[in-house]
Amino acid sequence: MNLPIWLIKLLFNLWPPFLGAGIRVHKLSPDFRQAEVRLKLGVGNRNYVGTHFGGSLYAMTDPFYMLMLLRQLGNDYYVWDKAGRIDYIKPGRGMVRAMFRLTDEQLAEIRAQTAAGDKHLPEMTVEIRDADDELVAAVHKTLYVRKKPDRR
């Protein structure tokens, strides 16, 4: 299903886990190769000491690499999130953002590693940065990618 990019962004922004945490998809390229996600500090995502709740920081990064790879690789592939971890660098205050990018090299490597039907576990990292472009957290995602067997 090829929905217009503006509608996909709207659906992301209305998705209850994002809406409730204040997570907003700010930019999404039509080819799903780049995305920018933002999170403003508010009552619903503030922790006990007044900074961003770590779960909201992780949630703002959760589905993007998986969905971007699904769009790039197409229906011939299985793509799942396999593992993730977050390294907190400094307290997040105010607006924070995460920028996601898929390169030609990454996609070529994934296709090459899965061409014979083998699974591949690419690791992606996305940085969460504040308004001063200082690193707040780094999220490390391991994805599971495998080409689907021919069903002839």
Protein backbone atom coordinates (compact mmCIF):
# COMPACT_ATOMS: atom_id res chain seq x y z
CA MET A 1 0.00 0.00 0.00
CA ASN A 2 1.59 3.29 -1.12
CA LEU A 3 0.07 6.05 0.95
CA PRO A 4 1.16 9.66 0.38
CA ILE A 5 4.06 10.68 2.63
CA TRP A 6 1.99 13.40 4.35
CA LEU A 7 -0.58 10.77 5.37
CA ILE A 8 2.09 8.38 6.66
CA LYS A 9 3.57 11.19 8.79
CA LEU A 10 0.10 12.05 10.09
CA LEU A 11 -0.59 8.42 11.01
CA PHE A 12 2.74 8.19 12.84
CA ASN A 13 1.99 11.38 14.73
CA LEU A 14 -1.48 10.15 15.71
CA TRP A 15 -0.26 6.69 16.74
CA PRO A 16 -1.14 6.47 20.47
CA PRO A 17 2.36 5.57 21.79
CA PHE A 18 3.84 8.58 19.95
CA LEU A 19 0.95 10.94 20.57
CA GLY A 20 0.90 10.19 24.30
CA ALA A 21 4.65 10.68 24.70
CA GLY A 22 4.79 13.83 22.58
CA ILE A 23 6.88 12.20 19.85
CA ARG A 24 6.53 13.82 16.41
CA VAL A 25 7.75 12.71 13.02
CA HIS A 26 9.07 16.02 11.72
CA LYS A 27 10.48 14.85 8.37
CA LEU A 28 10.14 11.67 6.35
CA SER A 29 11.63 11.42 2.89
CA PRO A 30 9.34 10.00 0.17
CA ASP A 31 11.81 7.15 -0.41
CA PHE A 32 11.97 6.29 3.32
CA ARG A 33 15.75 6.75 3.34
CA GLN A 34 15.72 9.62 5.89
CA ALA A 35 13.59 10.59 8.85
CA GLU A 36 13.75 13.16 11.61
CA VAL A 37 11.84 12.57 14.84
CA ARG A 38 11.47 15.18 17.58
CA LEU A 39 10.43 15.11 21.20
CA LYS A 40 9.68 18.18 23.30
CA LEU A 41 9.99 17.97 27.06
CA GLY A 42 6.53 18.05 28.60
CA VAL A 43 4.49 16.83 31.54
CA GLY A 44 3.83 13.46 29.88
CA ASN A 45 7.47 12.59 29.23
CA ARG A 46 9.29 14.20 32.14
CA ASN A 47 10.97 12.01 34.75
CA TYR A 48 11.27 12.59 38.50
CA VAL A 49 14.24 14.97 38.14
CA GLY A 50 12.64 17.04 35.36
CA THR A 51 14.48 15.68 32.32
CA HIS A 52 13.32 13.47 29.47
CA PHE A 53 12.02 10.05 30.55
CA GLY A 54 14.38 7.42 29.13
CA GLY A 55 11.52 5.28 27.82
CA SER A 56 10.27 8.16 25.69
CA LEU A 57 13.78 8.73 24.32
CA TYR A 58 13.98 5.07 23.31
CA ALA A 59 10.41 5.02 21.96
CA MET A 60 11.17 7.89 19.59
CA THR A 61 13.70 5.64 17.84
CA ASP A 62 11.95 2.29 18.04
CA PRO A 63 10.26 1.49 14.72
CA PHE A 64 12.13 3.60 12.19
CA TYR A 65 15.03 1.52 10.93
CA MET A 66 12.78 -1.54 10.68
CA LEU A 67 10.13 0.35 8.70
CA MET A 68 12.68 2.11 6.52
CA LEU A 69 14.33 -1.20 5.62
CA LEU A 70 10.97 -2.81 4.89
CA ARG A 71 10.18 0.00 2.45
CA GLN A 72 13.62 -0.16 0.81
CA LEU A 73 13.89 -3.94 0.54
CA GLY A 74 10.27 -4.66 -0.32
CA ASN A 75 7.99 -7.62 0.26
CA ASP A 76 10.69 -10.17 -0.58
CA TYR A 77 12.32 -9.71 2.85
CA TYR A 78 11.56 -10.33 6.50
CA VAL A 79 12.69 -7.40 8.63
CA TRP A 80 12.30 -7.28 12.41
CA ASP A 81 13.86 -5.49 15.32
CA LYS A 82 15.93 -8.08 17.13
CA ALA A 83 17.60 -6.10 19.91
CA GLY A 84 18.13 -2.58 21.12
CA ARG A 85 19.95 -0.69 23.80
CA ILE A 86 20.35 2.92 24.72
CA ASP A 87 23.38 4.71 26.14
CA TYR A 88 22.43 7.84 28.06
CA ILE A 89 25.11 10.50 27.68
CA LYS A 90 23.61 13.57 29.35
CA PRO A 91 20.19 14.64 30.63
CA GLY A 92 17.77 15.65 27.90
CA ARG A 93 16.07 18.99 28.36
CA GLY A 94 13.87 20.89 25.95
CA MET A 95 13.48 19.58 22.42
CA VAL A 96 15.53 16.58 21.30
CA ARG A 97 15.74 15.00 17.85
CA ALA A 98 16.87 11.80 16.18
CA MET A 99 17.98 11.63 12.53
CA PHE A 100 17.73 8.31 10.67
CA ARG A 101 19.53 7.64 7.38
CA LEU A 102 19.95 4.60 5.17
CA THR A 103 22.87 4.74 2.74
CA ASP A 104 23.38 2.96 -0.56
CA GLU A 105 26.29 1.11 1.06
CA GLN A 106 24.17 -0.18 3.94
CA LEU A 107 21.45 -1.40 1.60
CA ALA A 108 23.95 -3.06 -0.74
CA GLU A 109 25.60 -4.83 2.21
CA ILE A 110 22.24 -6.11 3.49
CA ARG A 111 21.24 -7.36 0.04
CA ALA A 112 24.62 -9.07 -0.45
CA GLN A 113 24.51 -10.74 2.98
CA THR A 114 20.97 -12.06 2.43
CA ALA A 115 21.17 -12.99 -1.28
CA ALA A 116 21.55 -16.72 -0.57
CA GLY A 117 18.69 -16.73 1.96
CA ASP A 118 20.89 -16.30 5.01
CA LYS A 119 19.84 -14.10 7.88
CA HIS A 120 21.77 -10.90 8.45
CA LEU A 121 21.86 -8.89 11.68
CA PRO A 122 22.82 -5.34 10.71
CA GLU A 123 23.51 -2.94 13.55
CA MET A 124 22.31 0.63 13.26
CA THR A 125 22.99 3.52 15.61
CA VAL A 126 20.93 6.68 15.90
CA GLU A 127 21.95 9.64 18.01
CA ILE A 128 19.52 11.71 20.03
CA ARG A 129 20.69 15.32 20.14
CA ASP A 130 19.39 18.43 21.89
CA ALA A 131 18.72 21.89 20.46
CA ASP A 132 22.43 22.77 20.89
CA ASP A 133 23.35 19.66 18.86
CA GLU A 134 24.85 18.02 21.97
CA LEU A 135 24.59 14.25 22.26
CA VAL A 136 21.93 13.18 24.77
CA ALA A 137 21.79 9.46 23.99
CA ALA A 138 22.84 6.87 21.43
CA VAL A 139 20.45 4.07 20.53
CA HIS A 140 21.90 0.88 19.09
CA LYS A 141 19.51 -1.30 17.11
CA THR A 142 20.12 -4.81 15.83
CA LEU A 143 17.78 -5.85 13.05
CA TYR A 144 16.97 -9.25 11.67
CA VAL A 145 16.87 -9.35 7.86
CA ARG A 146 16.32 -12.42 5.72
CA LYS A 147 15.20 -12.83 2.14
CA LYS A 148 11.94 -14.78 1.91
CA PRO A 149 12.19 -18.14 0.17
CA ASP A 150 10.76 -18.40 -3.34
CA ARG A 151 7.22 -19.74 -3.19
CA ARG A 152 6.98 -21.27 -6.63
